[in-house]
PDB file of all heavy atoms in Angstrom:
ATOM      1  N   GLN A   1       0.855  -1.179   0.000  1.00  0.00           N
ATOM      2  CA  GLN A   1       0.000   0.000   0.000  1.00  0.00           C
ATOM      3  C   GLN A   1       0.896   1.235   0.000  1.00  0.00           C
ATOM      4  O   GLN A   1       1.629   1.468   0.952  1.00  0.00           O
ATOM      5  CB  GLN A   1      -0.909   0.001   1.239  1.00  0.00           C
ATOM      6  CG  GLN A   1      -1.894  -1.154   1.276  1.00  0.00           C
ATOM      7  CD  GLN A   1      -2.899  -1.082   0.141  1.00  0.00           C
ATOM      8  OE1 GLN A   1      -3.445  -0.014  -0.159  1.00  0.00           O
ATOM      9  NE2 GLN A   1      -3.141  -2.210  -0.518  1.00  0.00           N
ATOM     10  N   ILE A   2       0.857   1.968  -1.092  1.00  0.00           N
ATOM     11  CA  ILE A   2       1.696   3.175  -1.174  1.00  0.00           C
ATOM     12  C   ILE A   2       0.803   4.381  -1.470  1.00  0.00           C
ATOM     13  O   ILE A   2      -0.328   4.256  -1.920  1.00  0.00           O
ATOM     14  CB  ILE A   2       2.806   3.031  -2.241  1.00  0.00           C
ATOM     15  CG1 ILE A   2       2.216   2.638  -3.609  1.00  0.00           C
ATOM     16  CG2 ILE A   2       3.826   1.990  -1.807  1.00  0.00           C
ATOM     17  CD1 ILE A   2       1.925   3.786  -4.483  1.00  0.00           C
ATOM     18  N   ARG A   3       1.349   5.544  -1.214  1.00  0.00           N
ATOM     19  CA  ARG A   3       0.630   6.800  -1.440  1.00  0.00           C
ATOM     20  C   ARG A   3       1.193   7.463  -2.696  1.00  0.00           C
ATOM     21  O   ARG A   3       2.385   7.778  -2.779  1.00  0.00           O
ATOM     22  CB  ARG A   3       0.805   7.719  -0.233  1.00  0.00           C
ATOM     23  CG  ARG A   3       0.064   9.052  -0.325  1.00  0.00           C
ATOM     24  CD  ARG A   3       0.401   9.930   0.869  1.00  0.00           C
ATOM     25  NE  ARG A   3       1.818  10.324   0.860  1.00  0.00           N
ATOM     26  CZ  ARG A   3       2.747   9.805   1.633  1.00  0.00           C
ATOM     27  NH1 ARG A   3       2.458   8.824   2.482  1.00  0.00           N
ATOM     28  NH2 ARG A   3       4.016  10.212   1.566  1.00  0.00           N
ATOM     29  N   LEU A   4       0.345   7.643  -3.691  1.00  0.00           N
ATOM     30  CA  LEU A   4       0.747   8.311  -4.926  1.00  0.00           C
ATOM     31  C   LEU A   4       0.286   9.764  -4.902  1.00  0.00           C
ATOM     32  O   LEU A   4      -0.791  10.074  -4.370  1.00  0.00           O
ATOM     33  CB  LEU A   4       0.129   7.616  -6.144  1.00  0.00           C
ATOM     34  CG  LEU A   4       0.668   6.229  -6.500  1.00  0.00           C
ATOM     35  CD1 LEU A   4      -0.230   5.576  -7.542  1.00  0.00           C
ATOM     36  CD2 LEU A   4       2.100   6.313  -7.015  1.00  0.00           C
ATOM     37  N   ALA A   5       1.101  10.632  -5.460  1.00  0.00           N
ATOM     38  CA  ALA A   5       0.696  12.028  -5.565  1.00  0.00           C
ATOM     39  C   ALA A   5      -0.459  12.148  -6.552  1.00  0.00           C
ATOM     40  O   ALA A   5      -0.543  11.397  -7.526  1.00  0.00           O
ATOM     41  CB  ALA A   5       1.880  12.881  -6.036  1.00  0.00           C
ATOM     42  N   GLN A   6      -1.364  13.067  -6.268  1.00  0.00           N
ATOM     43  CA  GLN A   6      -2.498  13.270  -7.159  1.00  0.00           C
ATOM     44  C   GLN A   6      -2.009  13.784  -8.508  1.00  0.00           C
ATOM     45  O   GLN A   6      -1.202  14.707  -8.590  1.00  0.00           O
ATOM     46  CB  GLN A   6      -3.489  14.265  -6.558  1.00  0.00           C
ATOM     47  CG  GLN A   6      -4.757  14.430  -7.370  1.00  0.00           C
ATOM     48  CD  GLN A   6      -5.784  15.297  -6.666  1.00  0.00           C
ATOM     49  OE1 GLN A   6      -5.564  15.748  -5.550  1.00  0.00           O
ATOM     50  NE2 GLN A   6      -6.903  15.537  -7.320  1.00  0.00           N
ATOM     51  N   VAL A   7      -2.510  13.169  -9.568  1.00  0.00           N
ATOM     52  CA  VAL A   7      -2.121  13.570 -10.920  1.00  0.00           C
ATOM     53  C   VAL A   7      -2.978  14.754 -11.352  1.00  0.00           C
ATOM     54  O   VAL A   7      -4.216  14.647 -11.384  1.00  0.00           O
ATOM     55  CB  VAL A   7      -2.292  12.408 -11.916  1.00  0.00           C
ATOM     56  CG1 VAL A   7      -1.932  12.854 -13.325  1.00  0.00           C
ATOM     57  CG2 VAL A   7      -1.439  11.223 -11.491  1.00  0.00           C
ATOM     58  N   PRO A   8      -2.360  15.892 -11.663  1.00  0.00           N
ATOM     59  CA  PRO A   8      -3.146  17.053 -12.101  1.00  0.00           C
ATOM     60  C   PRO A   8      -3.912  16.737 -13.386  1.00  0.00           C
ATOM     61  O   PRO A   8      -3.409  16.036 -14.263  1.00  0.00           O
ATOM     62  CB  PRO A   8      -2.079  18.126 -12.368  1.00  0.00           C
ATOM     63  CG  PRO A   8      -0.849  17.658 -11.655  1.00  0.00           C
ATOM     64  CD  PRO A   8      -0.914  16.169 -11.656  1.00  0.00           C
ATOM     65  N   VAL A   9      -5.134  17.235 -13.455  1.00  0.00           N
ATOM     66  CA  VAL A   9      -5.925  17.056 -14.667  1.00  0.00           C
ATOM     67  C   VAL A   9      -5.399  18.005 -15.739  1.00  0.00           C
ATOM     68  O   VAL A   9      -5.351  19.219 -15.542  1.00  0.00           O
ATOM     69  CB  VAL A   9      -7.419  17.339 -14.404  1.00  0.00           C
ATOM     70  CG1 VAL A   9      -8.217  17.221 -15.696  1.00  0.00           C
ATOM     71  CG2 VAL A   9      -7.959  16.384 -13.350  1.00  0.00           C
ATOM     72  N   LYS A  10      -4.995  17.429 -16.848  1.00  0.00           N
ATOM     73  CA  LYS A  10      -4.440  18.234 -17.927  1.00  0.00           C
ATOM     74  C   LYS A  10      -5.539  18.617 -18.908  1.00  0.00           C
ATOM     75  O   LYS A  10      -6.233  17.765 -19.442  1.00  0.00           O
ATOM     76  CB  LYS A  10      -3.342  17.446 -18.666  1.00  0.00           C
ATOM     77  CG  LYS A  10      -2.640  18.228 -19.762  1.00  0.00           C
ATOM     78  CD  LYS A  10      -1.558  17.391 -20.422  1.00  0.00           C
ATOM     79  CE  LYS A  10      -0.857  18.182 -21.522  1.00  0.00           C
ATOM     80  NZ  LYS A  10       0.192  17.363 -22.190  1.00  0.00           N
ATOM     81  N   GLU A  11      -5.702  19.903 -19.091  1.00  0.00           N
ATOM     82  CA  GLU A  11      -6.703  20.384 -20.028  1.00  0.00           C
ATOM     83  C   GLU A  11      -6.201  20.173 -21.453  1.00  0.00           C
ATOM     84  O   GLU A  11      -5.136  20.655 -21.824  1.00  0.00           O
ATOM     85  CB  GLU A  11      -6.992  21.863 -19.796  1.00  0.00           C
ATOM     86  CG  GLU A  11      -7.667  22.168 -18.460  1.00  0.00           C
ATOM     87  CD  GLU A  11      -9.083  21.640 -18.404  1.00  0.00           C
ATOM     88  OE1 GLU A  11      -9.713  21.508 -19.471  1.00  0.00           O
ATOM     89  OE2 GLU A  11      -9.564  21.345 -17.291  1.00  0.00           O
ATOM     90  N   ILE A  12      -6.963  19.439 -22.224  1.00  0.00           N
ATOM     91  CA  ILE A  12      -6.586  19.184 -23.614  1.00  0.00           C
ATOM     92  C   ILE A  12      -7.291  20.187 -24.512  1.00  0.00           C
ATOM     93  O   ILE A  12      -8.530  20.244 -24.522  1.00  0.00           O
ATOM     94  CB  ILE A  12      -6.959  17.754 -24.030  1.00  0.00           C
ATOM     95  CG1 ILE A  12      -6.213  16.748 -23.153  1.00  0.00           C
ATOM     96  CG2 ILE A  12      -6.661  17.511 -25.504  1.00  0.00           C
ATOM     97  CD1 ILE A  12      -6.589  15.313 -23.414  1.00  0.00           C
ATOM     98  N   PRO A  13      -6.548  21.004 -25.244  1.00  0.00           N
ATOM     99  CA  PRO A  13      -7.212  21.980 -26.126  1.00  0.00           C
ATOM    100  C   PRO A  13      -7.917  21.276 -27.270  1.00  0.00           C
ATOM    101  O   PRO A  13      -7.479  20.233 -27.742  1.00  0.00           O
ATOM    102  CB  PRO A  13      -6.040  22.835 -26.641  1.00  0.00           C
ATOM    103  CG  PRO A  13      -4.851  21.933 -26.569  1.00  0.00           C
ATOM    104  CD  PRO A  13      -5.079  21.048 -25.363  1.00  0.00           C
ATOM    105  N   PHE A  14      -9.029  21.821 -27.696  1.00  0.00           N
ATOM    106  CA  PHE A  14      -9.741  21.277 -28.852  1.00  0.00           C
ATOM    107  C   PHE A  14     -10.463  22.417 -29.555  1.00  0.00           C
ATOM    108  O   PHE A  14     -10.660  23.500 -29.001  1.00  0.00           O
ATOM    109  CB  PHE A  14     -10.720  20.175 -28.439  1.00  0.00           C
ATOM    110  CG  PHE A  14     -11.768  20.606 -27.455  1.00  0.00           C
ATOM    111  CD1 PHE A  14     -12.977  21.115 -27.892  1.00  0.00           C
ATOM    112  CD2 PHE A  14     -11.551  20.495 -26.095  1.00  0.00           C
ATOM    113  CE1 PHE A  14     -13.946  21.520 -26.991  1.00  0.00           C
ATOM    114  CE2 PHE A  14     -12.517  20.884 -25.182  1.00  0.00           C
ATOM    115  CZ  PHE A  14     -13.720  21.405 -25.629  1.00  0.00           C
ATOM    116  N   LEU A  15     -10.837  22.171 -30.788  1.00  0.00           N
ATOM    117  CA  LEU A  15     -11.528  23.187 -31.573  1.00  0.00           C
ATOM    118  C   LEU A  15     -12.962  23.331 -31.111  1.00  0.00           C
ATOM    119  O   LEU A  15     -13.688  22.345 -31.006  1.00  0.00           O
ATOM    120  CB  LEU A  15     -11.502  22.816 -33.056  1.00  0.00           C
ATOM    121  CG  LEU A  15     -10.119  22.726 -33.720  1.00  0.00           C
ATOM    122  CD1 LEU A  15     -10.264  22.237 -35.161  1.00  0.00           C
ATOM    123  CD2 LEU A  15      -9.397  24.061 -33.674  1.00  0.00           C
ATOM    124  N   GLN A  16     -13.367  24.544 -30.840  1.00  0.00           N
ATOM    125  CA  GLN A  16     -14.757  24.809 -30.544  1.00  0.00           C
ATOM    126  C   GLN A  16     -15.576  24.641 -31.828  1.00  0.00           C
ATOM    127  O   GLN A  16     -15.047  24.781 -32.935  1.00  0.00           O
ATOM    128  CB  GLN A  16     -14.911  26.228 -30.003  1.00  0.00           C
ATOM    129  CG  GLN A  16     -14.148  26.487 -28.706  1.00  0.00           C
ATOM    130  CD  GLN A  16     -14.640  25.612 -27.568  1.00  0.00           C
ATOM    131  OE1 GLN A  16     -15.836  25.440 -27.381  1.00  0.00           O
ATOM    132  NE2 GLN A  16     -13.708  25.051 -26.803  1.00  0.00           N
ATOM    133  N   PRO A  17     -16.851  24.329 -31.712  1.00  0.00           N
ATOM    134  CA  PRO A  17     -17.657  24.110 -32.920  1.00  0.00           C
ATOM    135  C   PRO A  17     -17.553  25.234 -33.941  1.00  0.00           C
ATOM    136  O   PRO A  17     -17.453  24.975 -35.146  1.00  0.00           O
ATOM    137  CB  PRO A  17     -19.077  23.984 -32.360  1.00  0.00           C
ATOM    138  CG  PRO A  17     -18.880  23.390 -31.007  1.00  0.00           C
ATOM    139  CD  PRO A  17     -17.616  24.029 -30.481  1.00  0.00           C
ATOM    140  N   GLU A  18     -17.544  26.481 -33.464  1.00  0.00           N
ATOM    141  CA  GLU A  18     -17.491  27.604 -34.405  1.00  0.00           C
ATOM    142  C   GLU A  18     -16.123  27.743 -35.079  1.00  0.00           C
ATOM    143  O   GLU A  18     -15.986  28.481 -36.055  1.00  0.00           O
ATOM    144  CB  GLU A  18     -17.854  28.914 -33.688  1.00  0.00           C
ATOM    145  CG  GLU A  18     -16.901  29.317 -32.571  1.00  0.00           C
ATOM    146  CD  GLU A  18     -17.280  28.732 -31.215  1.00  0.00           C
ATOM    147  OE1 GLU A  18     -18.092  27.776 -31.181  1.00  0.00           O
ATOM    148  OE2 GLU A  18     -16.756  29.225 -30.205  1.00  0.00           O
ATOM    149  N   GLU A  19     -15.111  27.019 -34.579  1.00  0.00           N
ATOM    150  CA  GLU A  19     -13.773  27.088 -35.168  1.00  0.00           C
ATOM    151  C   GLU A  19     -13.529  25.997 -36.217  1.00  0.00           C
ATOM    152  O   GLU A  19     -12.601  26.104 -37.022  1.00  0.00           O
ATOM    153  CB  GLU A  19     -12.711  26.954 -34.078  1.00  0.00           C
ATOM    154  CG  GLU A  19     -12.712  28.073 -33.054  1.00  0.00           C
ATOM    155  CD  GLU A  19     -11.665  27.867 -31.974  1.00  0.00           C
ATOM    156  OE1 GLU A  19     -11.561  26.726 -31.460  1.00  0.00           O
ATOM    157  OE2 GLU A  19     -10.952  28.825 -31.648  1.00  0.00           O
ATOM    158  N   ILE A  20     -14.341  24.953 -36.183  1.00  0.00           N
ATOM    159  CA  ILE A  20     -14.036  23.765 -36.987  1.00  0.00           C
ATOM    160  C   ILE A  20     -14.086  24.055 -38.482  1.00  0.00           C
ATOM    161  O   ILE A  20     -13.211  23.618 -39.243  1.00  0.00           O
ATOM    162  CB  ILE A  20     -14.978  22.605 -36.602  1.00  0.00           C
ATOM    163  CG1 ILE A  20     -14.634  22.126 -35.189  1.00  0.00           C
ATOM    164  CG2 ILE A  20     -14.854  21.454 -37.585  1.00  0.00           C
ATOM    165  CD1 ILE A  20     -15.507  21.009 -34.672  1.00  0.00           C
ATOM    166  N   LYS A  21     -15.093  24.808 -38.931  1.00  0.00           N
ATOM    167  CA  LYS A  21     -15.182  25.084 -40.362  1.00  0.00           C
ATOM    168  C   LYS A  21     -14.029  25.972 -40.836  1.00  0.00           C
ATOM    169  O   LYS A  21     -13.560  25.842 -41.960  1.00  0.00           O
ATOM    170  CB  LYS A  21     -16.536  25.691 -40.705  1.00  0.00           C
ATOM    171  CG  LYS A  21     -17.664  24.656 -40.693  1.00  0.00           C
ATOM    172  CD  LYS A  21     -18.942  25.158 -41.345  1.00  0.00           C
ATOM    173  CE  LYS A  21     -19.736  26.033 -40.427  1.00  0.00           C
ATOM    174  NZ  LYS A  21     -21.086  26.344 -40.981  1.00  0.00           N
ATOM    175  N   LYS A  22     -13.554  26.863 -39.977  1.00  0.00           N
ATOM    176  CA  LYS A  22     -12.384  27.678 -40.316  1.00  0.00           C
ATOM    177  C   LYS A  22     -11.158  26.781 -40.494  1.00  0.00           C
ATOM    178  O   LYS A  22     -10.355  26.970 -41.421  1.00  0.00           O
ATOM    179  CB  LYS A  22     -12.114  28.714 -39.221  1.00  0.00           C
ATOM    180  CG  LYS A  22     -13.187  29.772 -39.073  1.00  0.00           C
ATOM    181  CD  LYS A  22     -12.820  30.733 -37.938  1.00  0.00           C
ATOM    182  CE  LYS A  22     -13.901  31.778 -37.734  1.00  0.00           C
ATOM    183  NZ  LYS A  22     -13.563  32.694 -36.617  1.00  0.00           N
ATOM    184  N   PHE A  23     -11.008  25.814 -39.598  1.00  0.00           N
ATOM    185  CA  PHE A  23      -9.894  24.869 -39.695  1.00  0.00           C
ATOM    186  C   PHE A  23     -10.001  24.043 -40.972  1.00  0.00           C
ATOM    187  O   PHE A  23      -9.017  23.862 -41.692  1.00  0.00           O
ATOM    188  CB  PHE A  23      -9.879  23.956 -38.470  1.00  0.00           C
ATOM    189  CG  PHE A  23      -8.868  22.853 -38.534  1.00  0.00           C
ATOM    190  CD1 PHE A  23      -7.537  23.096 -38.236  1.00  0.00           C
ATOM    191  CD2 PHE A  23      -9.236  21.568 -38.904  1.00  0.00           C
ATOM    192  CE1 PHE A  23      -6.587  22.082 -38.293  1.00  0.00           C
ATOM    193  CE2 PHE A  23      -8.306  20.542 -38.970  1.00  0.00           C
ATOM    194  CZ  PHE A  23      -6.976  20.807 -38.665  1.00  0.00           C
ATOM    195  N   CYS A  24     -11.212  23.552 -41.275  1.00  0.00           N
ATOM    196  CA  CYS A  24     -11.413  22.744 -42.480  1.00  0.00           C
ATOM    197  C   CYS A  24     -11.077  23.534 -43.746  1.00  0.00           C
ATOM    198  O   CYS A  24     -10.501  22.988 -44.693  1.00  0.00           O
ATOM    199  CB  CYS A  24     -12.853  22.240 -42.537  1.00  0.00           C
ATOM    200  SG  CYS A  24     -13.227  20.978 -41.308  1.00  0.00           S
ATOM    201  N   ALA A  25     -11.428  24.803 -43.756  1.00  0.00           N
ATOM    202  CA  ALA A  25     -11.113  25.642 -44.922  1.00  0.00           C
ATOM    203  C   ALA A  25      -9.605  25.799 -45.080  1.00  0.00           C
ATOM    204  O   ALA A  25      -9.081  25.793 -46.201  1.00  0.00           O
ATOM    205  CB  ALA A  25     -11.786  27.005 -44.773  1.00  0.00           C
ATOM    206  N   GLU A  26      -8.890  25.903 -43.960  1.00  0.00           N
ATOM    207  CA  GLU A  26      -7.444  26.093 -44.003  1.00  0.00           C
ATOM    208  C   GLU A  26      -6.714  24.853 -44.522  1.00  0.00           C
ATOM    209  O   GLU A  26      -5.696  24.956 -45.208  1.00  0.00           O
ATOM    210  CB  GLU A  26      -6.930  26.452 -42.603  1.00  0.00           C
ATOM    211  CG  GLU A  26      -5.431  26.597 -42.485  1.00  0.00           C
ATOM    212  CD  GLU A  26      -4.858  27.665 -43.409  1.00  0.00           C
ATOM    213  OE1 GLU A  26      -5.488  28.733 -43.566  1.00  0.00           O
ATOM    214  OE2 GLU A  26      -3.763  27.437 -43.984  1.00  0.00           O
ATOM    215  N   ILE A  27      -7.224  23.659 -44.228  1.00  0.00           N
ATOM    216  CA  ILE A  27      -6.515  22.431 -44.618  1.00  0.00           C
ATOM    217  C   ILE A  27      -6.930  21.915 -45.988  1.00  0.00           C
ATOM    218  O   ILE A  27      -6.383  20.916 -46.457  1.00  0.00           O
ATOM    219  CB  ILE A  27      -6.732  21.311 -43.575  1.00  0.00           C
ATOM    220  CG1 ILE A  27      -8.195  20.846 -43.550  1.00  0.00           C
ATOM    221  CG2 ILE A  27      -6.273  21.767 -42.191  1.00  0.00           C
ATOM    222  CD1 ILE A  27      -8.435  19.640 -42.666  1.00  0.00           C
ATOM    223  N   LYS A  28      -7.862  22.575 -46.630  1.00  0.00           N
ATOM    224  CA  LYS A  28      -8.357  22.100 -47.924  1.00  0.00           C
ATOM    225  C   LYS A  28      -7.223  21.974 -48.927  1.00  0.00           C
ATOM    226  O   LYS A  28      -6.406  22.876 -49.090  1.00  0.00           O
ATOM    227  CB  LYS A  28      -9.434  23.041 -48.469  1.00  0.00           C
ATOM    228  CG  LYS A  28     -10.137  22.504 -49.715  1.00  0.00           C
ATOM    229  CD  LYS A  28     -11.334  23.342 -50.081  1.00  0.00           C
ATOM    230  CE  LYS A  28     -12.010  22.810 -51.337  1.00  0.00           C
ATOM    231  NZ  LYS A  28     -12.501  21.426 -51.155  1.00  0.00           N
ATOM    232  N   SER A  29      -7.153  20.805 -49.569  1.00  0.00           N
ATOM    233  CA  SER A  29      -6.159  20.477 -50.603  1.00  0.00           C
ATOM    234  C   SER A  29      -4.740  20.331 -50.061  1.00  0.00           C
ATOM    235  O   SER A  29      -3.800  20.186 -50.845  1.00  0.00           O
ATOM    236  CB  SER A  29      -6.181  21.513 -51.742  1.00  0.00           C
ATOM    237  OG  SER A  29      -7.471  21.559 -52.342  1.00  0.00           O
ATOM    238  N   LYS A  30      -4.573  20.350 -48.747  1.00  0.00           N
ATOM    239  CA  LYS A  30      -3.248  20.145 -48.173  1.00  0.00           C
ATOM    240  C   LYS A  30      -2.944  18.637 -48.137  1.00  0.00           C
ATOM    241  O   LYS A  30      -3.837  17.801 -48.191  1.00  0.00           O
ATOM    242  CB  LYS A  30      -3.177  20.711 -46.754  1.00  0.00           C
ATOM    243  CG  LYS A  30      -3.431  22.213 -46.655  1.00  0.00           C
ATOM    244  CD  LYS A  30      -2.321  23.015 -47.283  1.00  0.00           C
ATOM    245  CE  LYS A  30      -2.321  24.482 -46.837  1.00  0.00           C
ATOM    246  NZ  LYS A  30      -3.602  25.181 -47.030  1.00  0.00           N
ATOM    247  N   SER A  31      -1.666  18.307 -48.025  1.00  0.00           N
ATOM    248  CA  SER A  31      -1.253  16.900 -48.041  1.00  0.00           C
ATOM    249  C   SER A  31      -1.805  16.112 -46.857  1.00  0.00           C
ATOM    250  O   SER A  31      -1.939  14.888 -46.921  1.00  0.00           O
ATOM    251  CB  SER A  31       0.275  16.803 -48.054  1.00  0.00           C
ATOM    252  OG  SER A  31       0.815  17.425 -46.886  1.00  0.00           O
ATOM    253  N   TYR A  32      -2.126  16.791 -45.789  1.00  0.00           N
ATOM    254  CA  TYR A  32      -2.619  16.139 -44.574  1.00  0.00           C
ATOM    255  C   TYR A  32      -4.127  16.297 -44.416  1.00  0.00           C
ATOM    256  O   TYR A  32      -4.679  15.954 -43.357  1.00  0.00           O
ATOM    257  CB  TYR A  32      -1.907  16.716 -43.342  1.00  0.00           C
ATOM    258  CG  TYR A  32      -2.024  18.224 -43.221  1.00  0.00           C
ATOM    259  CD1 TYR A  32      -3.051  18.799 -42.482  1.00  0.00           C
ATOM    260  CD2 TYR A  32      -1.127  19.060 -43.854  1.00  0.00           C
ATOM    261  CE1 TYR A  32      -3.174  20.164 -42.372  1.00  0.00           C
ATOM    262  CE2 TYR A  32      -1.235  20.444 -43.761  1.00  0.00           C
ATOM    263  CZ  TYR A  32      -2.257  20.986 -43.018  1.00  0.00           C
ATOM    264  OH  TYR A  32      -2.389  22.351 -42.907  1.00  0.00           O
ATOM    265  N   GLU A  33      -4.811  16.780 -45.437  1.00  0.00           N
ATOM    266  CA  GLU A  33      -6.245  17.047 -45.337  1.00  0.00           C
ATOM    267  C   GLU A  33      -7.033  15.797 -44.941  1.00  0.00           C
ATOM    268  O   GLU A  33      -7.849  15.830 -44.016  1.00  0.00           O
ATOM    269  CB  GLU A  33      -6.771  17.587 -46.666  1.00  0.00           C
ATOM    270  CG  GLU A  33      -8.276  17.863 -46.664  1.00  0.00           C
ATOM    271  CD  GLU A  33      -8.785  18.290 -48.038  1.00  0.00           C
ATOM    272  OE1 GLU A  33      -8.094  18.013 -49.052  1.00  0.00           O
ATOM    273  OE2 GLU A  33      -9.871  18.897 -48.096  1.00  0.00           O
ATOM    274  N   ILE A  34      -6.791  14.697 -45.644  1.00  0.00           N
ATOM    275  CA  ILE A  34      -7.543  13.473 -45.359  1.00  0.00           C
ATOM    276  C   ILE A  34      -7.282  12.996 -43.936  1.00  0.00           C
ATOM    277  O   ILE A  34      -8.217  12.620 -43.210  1.00  0.00           O
ATOM    278  CB  ILE A  34      -7.186  12.380 -46.381  1.00  0.00           C
ATOM    279  CG1 ILE A  34      -7.773  12.730 -47.758  1.00  0.00           C
ATOM    280  CG2 ILE A  34      -7.685  11.009 -45.926  1.00  0.00           C
ATOM    281  CD1 ILE A  34      -7.396  11.764 -48.863  1.00  0.00           C
ATOM    282  N   ALA A  35      -6.019  13.017 -43.512  1.00  0.00           N
ATOM    283  CA  ALA A  35      -5.684  12.562 -42.161  1.00  0.00           C
ATOM    284  C   ALA A  35      -6.410  13.385 -41.107  1.00  0.00           C
ATOM    285  O   ALA A  35      -6.993  12.849 -40.158  1.00  0.00           O
ATOM    286  CB  ALA A  35      -4.172  12.638 -41.948  1.00  0.00           C
ATOM    287  N   ALA A  36      -6.389  14.701 -41.259  1.00  0.00           N
ATOM    288  CA  ALA A  36      -7.041  15.570 -40.278  1.00  0.00           C
ATOM    289  C   ALA A  36      -8.547  15.365 -40.266  1.00  0.00           C
ATOM    290  O   ALA A  36      -9.176  15.326 -39.199  1.00  0.00           O
ATOM    291  CB  ALA A  36      -6.703  17.031 -40.578  1.00  0.00           C
ATOM    292  N   LEU A  37      -9.147  15.203 -41.435  1.00  0.00           N
ATOM    293  CA  LEU A  37     -10.593  15.019 -41.508  1.00  0.00           C
ATOM    294  C   LEU A  37     -11.026  13.658 -40.963  1.00  0.00           C
ATOM    295  O   LEU A  37     -12.119  13.523 -40.408  1.00  0.00           O
ATOM    296  CB  LEU A  37     -11.078  15.193 -42.947  1.00  0.00           C
ATOM    297  CG  LEU A  37     -10.975  16.625 -43.499  1.00  0.00           C
ATOM    298  CD1 LEU A  37     -11.355  16.651 -44.967  1.00  0.00           C
ATOM    299  CD2 LEU A  37     -11.843  17.591 -42.698  1.00  0.00           C
ATOM    300  N   LEU A  38     -10.174  12.657 -41.107  1.00  0.00           N
ATOM    301  CA  LEU A  38     -10.472  11.361 -40.501  1.00  0.00           C
ATOM    302  C   LEU A  38     -10.502  11.485 -38.979  1.00  0.00           C
ATOM    303  O   LEU A  38     -11.354  10.886 -38.309  1.00  0.00           O
ATOM    304  CB  LEU A  38      -9.441  10.315 -40.934  1.00  0.00           C
ATOM    305  CG  LEU A  38      -9.569   9.796 -42.370  1.00  0.00           C
ATOM    306  CD1 LEU A  38      -8.357   8.973 -42.753  1.00  0.00           C
ATOM    307  CD2 LEU A  38     -10.844   8.955 -42.534  1.00  0.00           C
ATOM    308  N   GLU A  39      -9.575  12.233 -38.428  1.00  0.00           N
ATOM    309  CA  GLU A  39      -9.568  12.421 -36.976  1.00  0.00           C
ATOM    310  C   GLU A  39     -10.753  13.268 -36.534  1.00  0.00           C
ATOM    311  O   GLU A  39     -11.249  13.111 -35.422  1.00  0.00           O
ATOM    312  CB  GLU A  39      -8.242  13.029 -36.535  1.00  0.00           C
ATOM    313  CG  GLU A  39      -7.081  12.055 -36.726  1.00  0.00           C
ATOM    314  CD  GLU A  39      -5.803  12.482 -36.056  1.00  0.00           C
ATOM    315  OE1 GLU A  39      -5.415  13.660 -36.225  1.00  0.00           O
ATOM    316  OE2 GLU A  39      -5.185  11.642 -35.373  1.00  0.00           O
ATOM    317  N   LEU A  40     -11.236  14.151 -37.408  1.00  0.00           N
ATOM    318  CA  LEU A  40     -12.450  14.907 -37.107  1.00  0.00           C
ATOM    319  C   LEU A  40     -13.704  14.043 -37.221  1.00  0.00           C
ATOM    320  O   LEU A  40     -14.807  14.500 -36.922  1.00  0.00           O
ATOM    321  CB  LEU A  40     -12.569  16.121 -38.034  1.00  0.00           C
ATOM    322  CG  LEU A  40     -11.928  17.420 -37.535  1.00  0.00           C
ATOM    323  CD1 LEU A  40     -12.069  18.520 -38.583  1.00  0.00           C
ATOM    324  CD2 LEU A  40     -12.541  17.869 -36.209  1.00  0.00           C
ATOM    325  N   HIS A  41     -13.535  12.808 -37.670  1.00  0.00           N
ATOM    326  CA  HIS A  41     -14.617  11.830 -37.638  1.00  0.00           C
ATOM    327  C   HIS A  41     -14.473  10.887 -36.440  1.00  0.00           C
ATOM    328  O   HIS A  41     -15.169   9.870 -36.357  1.00  0.00           O
ATOM    329  CB  HIS A  41     -14.642  11.005 -38.938  1.00  0.00           C
ATOM    330  CG  HIS A  41     -15.356  11.688 -40.068  1.00  0.00           C
ATOM    331  ND1 HIS A  41     -14.781  12.689 -40.805  1.00  0.00           N
ATOM    332  CD2 HIS A  41     -16.606  11.520 -40.577  1.00  0.00           C
ATOM    333  CE1 HIS A  41     -15.643  13.103 -41.735  1.00  0.00           C
ATOM    334  NE2 HIS A  41     -16.755  12.412 -41.608  1.00  0.00           N
ATOM    335  N   GLY A  42     -13.541  11.193 -35.540  1.00  0.00           N
ATOM    336  CA  GLY A  42     -13.408  10.417 -34.318  1.00  0.00           C
ATOM    337  C   GLY A  42     -12.415   9.275 -34.375  1.00  0.00           C
ATOM    338  O   GLY A  42     -12.315   8.501 -33.432  1.00  0.00           O
ATOM    339  N   LEU A  43     -11.659   9.139 -35.466  1.00  0.00           N
ATOM    340  CA  LEU A  43     -10.694   8.041 -35.551  1.00  0.00           C
ATOM    341  C   LEU A  43      -9.463   8.344 -34.710  1.00  0.00           C
ATOM    342  O   LEU A  43      -8.980   9.488 -34.666  1.00  0.00           O
ATOM    343  CB  LEU A  43     -10.269   7.793 -37.002  1.00  0.00           C
ATOM    344  CG  LEU A  43     -11.136   6.802 -37.794  1.00  0.00           C
ATOM    345  CD1 LEU A  43     -12.509   7.392 -38.073  1.00  0.00           C
ATOM    346  CD2 LEU A  43     -10.441   6.420 -39.097  1.00  0.00           C
TER     347      LEU A  43
END
């Protein structure tokens, strides 16, 4: 039985809904477009 220090909750940044279409417009036709859009589908 050991005592572990509490792990701080790390806030993970993410795109707000109103930002997503701006991001999608920026990545259009880029080499990583498909990869990013797949992750925007939850993969």
